[in-house]
């Protein structure tokens, strides 16, 4: 239920936005040994399932497949596990229907880009602006009740401006630099997965 998912993140956040951040953190816990970390993994995956974000479900499935393939090399049964994970995530995403449903989003992105052209595109409108602004619109408006742009880069640009986009770009480049120069270790694997999921 949407209202129950809203309670997880409060009045400003968006459940799908929150799910995306959780998915980015998942590699940190997924590649750590020990039962304590497995409990954390299970809790995070359960929360992602509850939030029902298609993109987060896709990320969780991709990570699970990568984890199985990397950990159980030489075991034939791993392909059955991979097939099961892919099928399960595919069904959940299909039921959600939002992963490939672009209906209304492209038009809304056009509206948001117009706002940026007529507003402070360099500094942005500030964090949480979209949530407050769209609540003031009339019901039936294309952006009414939108709290997230459904595009992380556009969201950053809208709320933090070009300066925010530059910082995000710097973070991507710096993460890649650290990953490239790091020796083969768990940290390198975690950075690689986080970078891949961030680009998604």
C-alpha atoms as a PDB file:
ATOM      1  CA  UNK A   1       0.000   0.000   0.000  1.00  0.00           C
ATOM      2  CA  UNK A   2       1.364   3.405  -1.008  1.00  0.00           C
ATOM      3  CA  UNK A   3       0.408   5.107   2.270  1.00  0.00           C
ATOM      4  CA  UNK A   4       2.183   2.440   4.307  1.00  0.00           C
ATOM      5  CA  UNK A   5       5.304   2.822   2.160  1.00  0.00           C
ATOM      6  CA  UNK A   6       5.165   6.580   2.707  1.00  0.00           C
ATOM      7  CA  UNK A   7       5.364   6.021   6.467  1.00  0.00           C
ATOM      8  CA  UNK A   8       8.804   4.469   5.996  1.00  0.00           C
ATOM      9  CA  UNK A   9      10.348   7.684   4.651  1.00  0.00           C
ATOM     10  CA  UNK A  10       8.174  10.460   6.087  1.00  0.00           C
ATOM     11  CA  UNK A  11       6.401  13.391   4.415  1.00  0.00           C
ATOM     12  CA  UNK A  12       9.272  14.664   2.254  1.00  0.00           C
ATOM     13  CA  UNK A  13      10.929  11.531   0.938  1.00  0.00           C
ATOM     14  CA  UNK A  14       9.721   9.236  -1.767  1.00  0.00           C
ATOM     15  CA  UNK A  15       9.630   5.461  -1.156  1.00  0.00           C
ATOM     16  CA  UNK A  16      11.134   4.771  -4.586  1.00  0.00           C
ATOM     17  CA  UNK A  17      13.914   7.277  -3.921  1.00  0.00           C
ATOM     18  CA  UNK A  18      14.628   5.675  -0.557  1.00  0.00           C
ATOM     19  CA  UNK A  19      14.651   2.222  -2.159  1.00  0.00           C
ATOM     20  CA  UNK A  20      17.251   3.400  -4.656  1.00  0.00           C
ATOM     21  CA  UNK A  21      19.589   4.512  -1.869  1.00  0.00           C
ATOM     22  CA  UNK A  22      19.094   1.233  -0.031  1.00  0.00           C
ATOM     23  CA  UNK A  23      19.948  -0.667  -3.211  1.00  0.00           C
ATOM     24  CA  UNK A  24      23.190   1.335  -3.508  1.00  0.00           C
ATOM     25  CA  UNK A  25      24.159   0.299   0.023  1.00  0.00           C
ATOM     26  CA  UNK A  26      23.327  -3.354  -0.528  1.00  0.00           C
ATOM     27  CA  UNK A  27      26.761  -4.310  -1.989  1.00  0.00           C
ATOM     28  CA  UNK A  28      28.423  -3.116   1.235  1.00  0.00           C
ATOM     29  CA  UNK A  29      26.576  -5.811   3.178  1.00  0.00           C
ATOM     30  CA  UNK A  30      26.115  -8.457   0.502  1.00  0.00           C
ATOM     31  CA  UNK A  31      29.828  -9.185   0.110  1.00  0.00           C
ATOM     32  CA  UNK A  32      30.618  -9.498   3.822  1.00  0.00           C
ATOM     33  CA  UNK A  33      30.865 -12.913   5.507  1.00  0.00           C
ATOM     34  CA  UNK A  34      29.237 -13.834   8.814  1.00  0.00           C
ATOM     35  CA  UNK A  35      25.701 -14.460   9.999  1.00  0.00           C
ATOM     36  CA  UNK A  36      25.356 -10.978  11.456  1.00  0.00           C
ATOM     37  CA  UNK A  37      25.832  -9.441   8.020  1.00  0.00           C
ATOM     38  CA  UNK A  38      23.433 -11.993   6.529  1.00  0.00           C
ATOM     39  CA  UNK A  39      20.740 -10.776   8.922  1.00  0.00           C
ATOM     40  CA  UNK A  40      21.349  -7.203   7.753  1.00  0.00           C
ATOM     41  CA  UNK A  41      21.210  -8.392   4.131  1.00  0.00           C
ATOM     42  CA  UNK A  42      17.899 -10.127   4.744  1.00  0.00           C
ATOM     43  CA  UNK A  43      16.434  -7.068   6.478  1.00  0.00           C
ATOM     44  CA  UNK A  44      17.472  -4.740   3.645  1.00  0.00           C
ATOM     45  CA  UNK A  45      16.128  -7.094   0.993  1.00  0.00           C
ATOM     46  CA  UNK A  46      12.871  -7.432   2.902  1.00  0.00           C
ATOM     47  CA  UNK A  47      12.537  -3.650   3.069  1.00  0.00           C
ATOM     48  CA  UNK A  48      13.251  -3.352  -0.671  1.00  0.00           C
ATOM     49  CA  UNK A  49      10.545  -5.908  -1.384  1.00  0.00           C
ATOM     50  CA  UNK A  50       8.133  -3.977   0.839  1.00  0.00           C
ATOM     51  CA  UNK A  51       8.890  -0.683  -0.923  1.00  0.00           C
ATOM     52  CA  UNK A  52       8.271  -2.449  -4.251  1.00  0.00           C
ATOM     53  CA  UNK A  53      10.482  -0.262  -6.416  1.00  0.00           C
ATOM     54  CA  UNK A  54      11.055  -1.938  -9.786  1.00  0.00           C
ATOM     55  CA  UNK A  55      14.508  -0.404 -10.200  1.00  0.00           C
ATOM     56  CA  UNK A  56      15.530  -1.496  -6.686  1.00  0.00           C
ATOM     57  CA  UNK A  57      14.180  -5.000  -7.315  1.00  0.00           C
ATOM     58  CA  UNK A  58      16.179  -5.143 -10.531  1.00  0.00           C
ATOM     59  CA  UNK A  59      19.314  -4.027  -8.666  1.00  0.00           C
ATOM     60  CA  UNK A  60      18.719  -6.602  -5.940  1.00  0.00           C
ATOM     61  CA  UNK A  61      18.308  -9.359  -8.525  1.00  0.00           C
ATOM     62  CA  UNK A  62      21.441  -8.282 -10.387  1.00  0.00           C
ATOM     63  CA  UNK A  63      23.462  -8.262  -7.165  1.00  0.00           C
ATOM     64  CA  UNK A  64      22.142 -11.662  -6.105  1.00  0.00           C
ATOM     65  CA  UNK A  65      23.025 -13.176  -9.475  1.00  0.00           C
ATOM     66  CA  UNK A  66      26.511 -11.647  -9.343  1.00  0.00           C
ATOM     67  CA  UNK A  67      27.032 -12.874  -5.785  1.00  0.00           C
ATOM     68  CA  UNK A  68      26.052 -16.459  -6.649  1.00  0.00           C
ATOM     69  CA  UNK A  69      28.166 -16.554  -9.815  1.00  0.00           C
ATOM     70  CA  UNK A  70      31.226 -15.118  -8.063  1.00  0.00           C
ATOM     71  CA  UNK A  71      30.982 -17.222  -4.904  1.00  0.00           C
ATOM     72  CA  UNK A  72      30.030 -20.645  -6.235  1.00  0.00           C
ATOM     73  CA  UNK A  73      32.224 -21.037  -9.278  1.00  0.00           C
ATOM     74  CA  UNK A  74      32.245 -24.548 -10.699  1.00  0.00           C
ATOM     75  CA  UNK A  75      28.902 -25.520  -9.165  1.00  0.00           C
ATOM     76  CA  UNK A  76      26.312 -26.381 -11.783  1.00  0.00           C
ATOM     77  CA  UNK A  77      23.387 -25.782  -9.457  1.00  0.00           C
ATOM     78  CA  UNK A  78      24.235 -22.063  -9.401  1.00  0.00           C
ATOM     79  CA  UNK A  79      22.655 -21.689 -12.842  1.00  0.00           C
ATOM     80  CA  UNK A  80      19.356 -22.977 -11.454  1.00  0.00           C
ATOM     81  CA  UNK A  81      19.590 -20.438  -8.639  1.00  0.00           C
ATOM     82  CA  UNK A  82      20.362 -17.673 -11.132  1.00  0.00           C
ATOM     83  CA  UNK A  83      17.408 -18.732 -13.277  1.00  0.00           C
ATOM     84  CA  UNK A  84      15.137 -18.687 -10.243  1.00  0.00           C
ATOM     85  CA  UNK A  85      16.315 -15.243  -9.143  1.00  0.00           C
ATOM     86  CA  UNK A  86      15.950 -13.789 -12.639  1.00  0.00           C
ATOM     87  CA  UNK A  87      12.464 -15.261 -13.027  1.00  0.00           C
ATOM     88  CA  UNK A  88      11.317 -14.055  -9.605  1.00  0.00           C
ATOM     89  CA  UNK A  89      12.626 -10.509 -10.102  1.00  0.00           C
ATOM     90  CA  UNK A  90      11.179 -10.425 -13.618  1.00  0.00           C
ATOM     91  CA  UNK A  91       7.737 -11.393 -12.343  1.00  0.00           C
ATOM     92  CA  UNK A  92       7.860  -8.842  -9.510  1.00  0.00           C
ATOM     93  CA  UNK A  93       8.932  -6.062 -11.892  1.00  0.00           C
ATOM     94  CA  UNK A  94       6.241  -7.045 -14.371  1.00  0.00           C
ATOM     95  CA  UNK A  95       3.598  -6.942 -11.647  1.00  0.00           C
ATOM     96  CA  UNK A  96       4.869  -3.571 -10.483  1.00  0.00           C
ATOM     97  CA  UNK A  97       4.598  -2.274 -14.034  1.00  0.00           C
ATOM     98  CA  UNK A  98       6.598   0.896 -13.334  1.00  0.00           C
ATOM     99  CA  UNK A  99       9.990  -0.158 -14.683  1.00  0.00           C
ATOM    100  CA  UNK A 100       9.089   0.185 -18.340  1.00  0.00           C
ATOM    101  CA  UNK A 101       6.045   2.397 -17.928  1.00  0.00           C
ATOM    102  CA  UNK A 102       7.107   5.804 -19.206  1.00  0.00           C
ATOM    103  CA  UNK A 103       3.538   7.059 -19.506  1.00  0.00           C
ATOM    104  CA  UNK A 104       3.476  10.626 -18.218  1.00  0.00           C
ATOM    105  CA  UNK A 105       7.116  10.680 -17.165  1.00  0.00           C
ATOM    106  CA  UNK A 106       8.546  12.157 -20.362  1.00  0.00           C
ATOM    107  CA  UNK A 107       5.939  14.942 -20.290  1.00  0.00           C
ATOM    108  CA  UNK A 108       6.656  15.578 -16.620  1.00  0.00           C
ATOM    109  CA  UNK A 109      10.388  15.734 -17.298  1.00  0.00           C
ATOM    110  CA  UNK A 110       9.671  18.375 -19.941  1.00  0.00           C
ATOM    111  CA  UNK A 111       7.786  20.423 -17.335  1.00  0.00           C
ATOM    112  CA  UNK A 112      10.642  20.090 -14.863  1.00  0.00           C
ATOM    113  CA  UNK A 113      13.211  21.135 -17.463  1.00  0.00           C
ATOM    114  CA  UNK A 114      11.086  24.208 -18.205  1.00  0.00           C
ATOM    115  CA  UNK A 115      11.160  25.036 -14.474  1.00  0.00           C
ATOM    116  CA  UNK A 116      14.951  24.791 -14.547  1.00  0.00           C
ATOM    117  CA  UNK A 117      15.239  27.072 -17.576  1.00  0.00           C
ATOM    118  CA  UNK A 118      13.113  29.681 -15.815  1.00  0.00           C
ATOM    119  CA  UNK A 119      14.656  29.233 -12.378  1.00  0.00           C
ATOM    120  CA  UNK A 120      17.993  28.888 -10.572  1.00  0.00           C
ATOM    121  CA  UNK A 121      19.484  26.179 -12.766  1.00  0.00           C
ATOM    122  CA  UNK A 122      22.971  26.716 -11.315  1.00  0.00           C
ATOM    123  CA  UNK A 123      22.094  26.337  -7.619  1.00  0.00           C
ATOM    124  CA  UNK A 124      18.759  24.525  -7.885  1.00  0.00           C
ATOM    125  CA  UNK A 125      15.606  25.114  -5.859  1.00  0.00           C
ATOM    126  CA  UNK A 126      16.842  23.365  -2.709  1.00  0.00           C
ATOM    127  CA  UNK A 127      16.330  19.905  -1.202  1.00  0.00           C
ATOM    128  CA  UNK A 128      12.729  18.785  -0.935  1.00  0.00           C
ATOM    129  CA  UNK A 129      11.461  21.567  -3.214  1.00  0.00           C
ATOM    130  CA  UNK A 130       9.672  19.297  -5.664  1.00  0.00           C
ATOM    131  CA  UNK A 131       7.630  17.667  -2.904  1.00  0.00           C
ATOM    132  CA  UNK A 132       6.411  20.997  -1.535  1.00  0.00           C
ATOM    133  CA  UNK A 133       5.866  22.638  -4.931  1.00  0.00           C
ATOM    134  CA  UNK A 134       3.764  19.871  -6.429  1.00  0.00           C
ATOM    135  CA  UNK A 135       1.509  19.754  -3.370  1.00  0.00           C
ATOM    136  CA  UNK A 136       0.463  23.336  -4.134  1.00  0.00           C
ATOM    137  CA  UNK A 137      -0.686  22.468  -7.665  1.00  0.00           C
ATOM    138  CA  UNK A 138      -4.274  21.818  -8.599  1.00  0.00           C
ATOM    139  CA  UNK A 139      -5.413  18.186  -8.706  1.00  0.00           C
ATOM    140  CA  UNK A 140      -5.218  16.992 -12.277  1.00  0.00           C
ATOM    141  CA  UNK A 141      -2.034  18.907 -13.013  1.00  0.00           C
ATOM    142  CA  UNK A 142       0.635  16.741 -14.628  1.00  0.00           C
ATOM    143  CA  UNK A 143       2.999  17.217 -11.666  1.00  0.00           C
ATOM    144  CA  UNK A 144       0.406  17.154  -8.888  1.00  0.00           C
ATOM    145  CA  UNK A 145       1.679  15.220  -5.833  1.00  0.00           C
ATOM    146  CA  UNK A 146       4.967  14.243  -7.527  1.00  0.00           C
ATOM    147  CA  UNK A 147       7.632  14.092  -4.835  1.00  0.00           C
ATOM    148  CA  UNK A 148      10.372  12.662  -6.996  1.00  0.00           C
ATOM    149  CA  UNK A 149      11.368  13.256 -10.609  1.00  0.00           C
ATOM    150  CA  UNK A 150      11.770   9.496 -11.273  1.00  0.00           C
ATOM    151  CA  UNK A 151      15.183  10.370 -12.660  1.00  0.00           C
ATOM    152  CA  UNK A 152      18.029  10.719 -10.163  1.00  0.00           C
ATOM    153  CA  UNK A 153      20.104  13.063 -12.321  1.00  0.00           C
ATOM    154  CA  UNK A 154      17.150  15.348 -13.015  1.00  0.00           C
ATOM    155  CA  UNK A 155      16.256  15.283  -9.327  1.00  0.00           C
ATOM    156  CA  UNK A 156      19.765  16.405  -8.367  1.00  0.00           C
ATOM    157  CA  UNK A 157      19.728  19.120 -11.020  1.00  0.00           C
ATOM    158  CA  UNK A 158      16.330  20.366  -9.881  1.00  0.00           C
ATOM    159  CA  UNK A 159      17.161  20.538  -6.174  1.00  0.00           C
ATOM    160  CA  UNK A 160      20.922  21.191  -6.184  1.00  0.00           C
ATOM    161  CA  UNK A 161      21.469  22.704  -9.626  1.00  0.00           C
ATOM    162  CA  UNK A 162      24.415  22.320 -11.941  1.00  0.00           C
ATOM    163  CA  UNK A 163      26.694  22.446  -8.907  1.00  0.00           C
ATOM    164  CA  UNK A 164      25.005  19.307  -7.616  1.00  0.00           C
ATOM    165  CA  UNK A 165      25.426  17.574 -10.960  1.00  0.00           C
ATOM    166  CA  UNK A 166      29.118  18.496 -10.981  1.00  0.00           C
ATOM    167  CA  UNK A 167      29.537  16.993  -7.513  1.00  0.00           C
ATOM    168  CA  UNK A 168      27.740  13.816  -8.589  1.00  0.00           C
ATOM    169  CA  UNK A 169      29.951  13.600 -11.679  1.00  0.00           C
ATOM    170  CA  UNK A 170      33.033  14.104  -9.528  1.00  0.00           C
ATOM    171  CA  UNK A 171      31.866  11.331  -7.174  1.00  0.00           C
ATOM    172  CA  UNK A 172      31.443   8.947 -10.113  1.00  0.00           C
ATOM    173  CA  UNK A 173      34.890   9.748 -11.515  1.00  0.00           C
ATOM    174  CA  UNK A 174      36.544   9.540  -8.081  1.00  0.00           C
ATOM    175  CA  UNK A 175      34.878   6.212  -7.320  1.00  0.00           C
ATOM    176  CA  UNK A 176      36.115   4.853 -10.629  1.00  0.00           C
ATOM    177  CA  UNK A 177      39.626   6.174  -9.904  1.00  0.00           C
ATOM    178  CA  UNK A 178      39.745   4.502  -6.491  1.00  0.00           C
ATOM    179  CA  UNK A 179      38.372   1.277  -7.967  1.00  0.00           C
ATOM    180  CA  UNK A 180      40.871   1.285 -10.830  1.00  0.00           C
ATOM    181  CA  UNK A 181      43.897   1.692  -8.560  1.00  0.00           C
ATOM    182  CA  UNK A 182      42.701  -0.580  -5.751  1.00  0.00           C
ATOM    183  CA  UNK A 183      44.202  -4.076  -5.413  1.00  0.00           C
ATOM    184  CA  UNK A 184      41.973  -7.096  -5.879  1.00  0.00           C
ATOM    185  CA  UNK A 185      39.989  -7.183  -2.634  1.00  0.00           C
ATOM    186  CA  UNK A 186      36.463  -7.010  -1.248  1.00  0.00           C
ATOM    187  CA  UNK A 187      36.487  -3.205  -1.302  1.00  0.00           C
ATOM    188  CA  UNK A 188      37.221  -3.200  -5.023  1.00  0.00           C
ATOM    189  CA  UNK A 189      34.321  -5.571  -5.648  1.00  0.00           C
ATOM    190  CA  UNK A 190      31.961  -3.446  -3.552  1.00  0.00           C
ATOM    191  CA  UNK A 191      32.976  -0.243  -5.365  1.00  0.00           C
ATOM    192  CA  UNK A 192      32.469  -1.909  -8.749  1.00  0.00           C
ATOM    193  CA  UNK A 193      28.933  -2.998  -7.872  1.00  0.00           C
ATOM    194  CA  UNK A 194      28.017   0.348  -6.310  1.00  0.00           C
ATOM    195  CA  UNK A 195      29.265   2.174  -9.391  1.00  0.00           C
ATOM    196  CA  UNK A 196      27.269  -0.082 -11.690  1.00  0.00           C
ATOM    197  CA  UNK A 197      24.085   0.329  -9.660  1.00  0.00           C
ATOM    198  CA  UNK A 198      24.533   4.105  -9.467  1.00  0.00           C
ATOM    199  CA  UNK A 199      24.692   4.343 -13.257  1.00  0.00           C
ATOM    200  CA  UNK A 200      21.460   2.338 -13.472  1.00  0.00           C
END
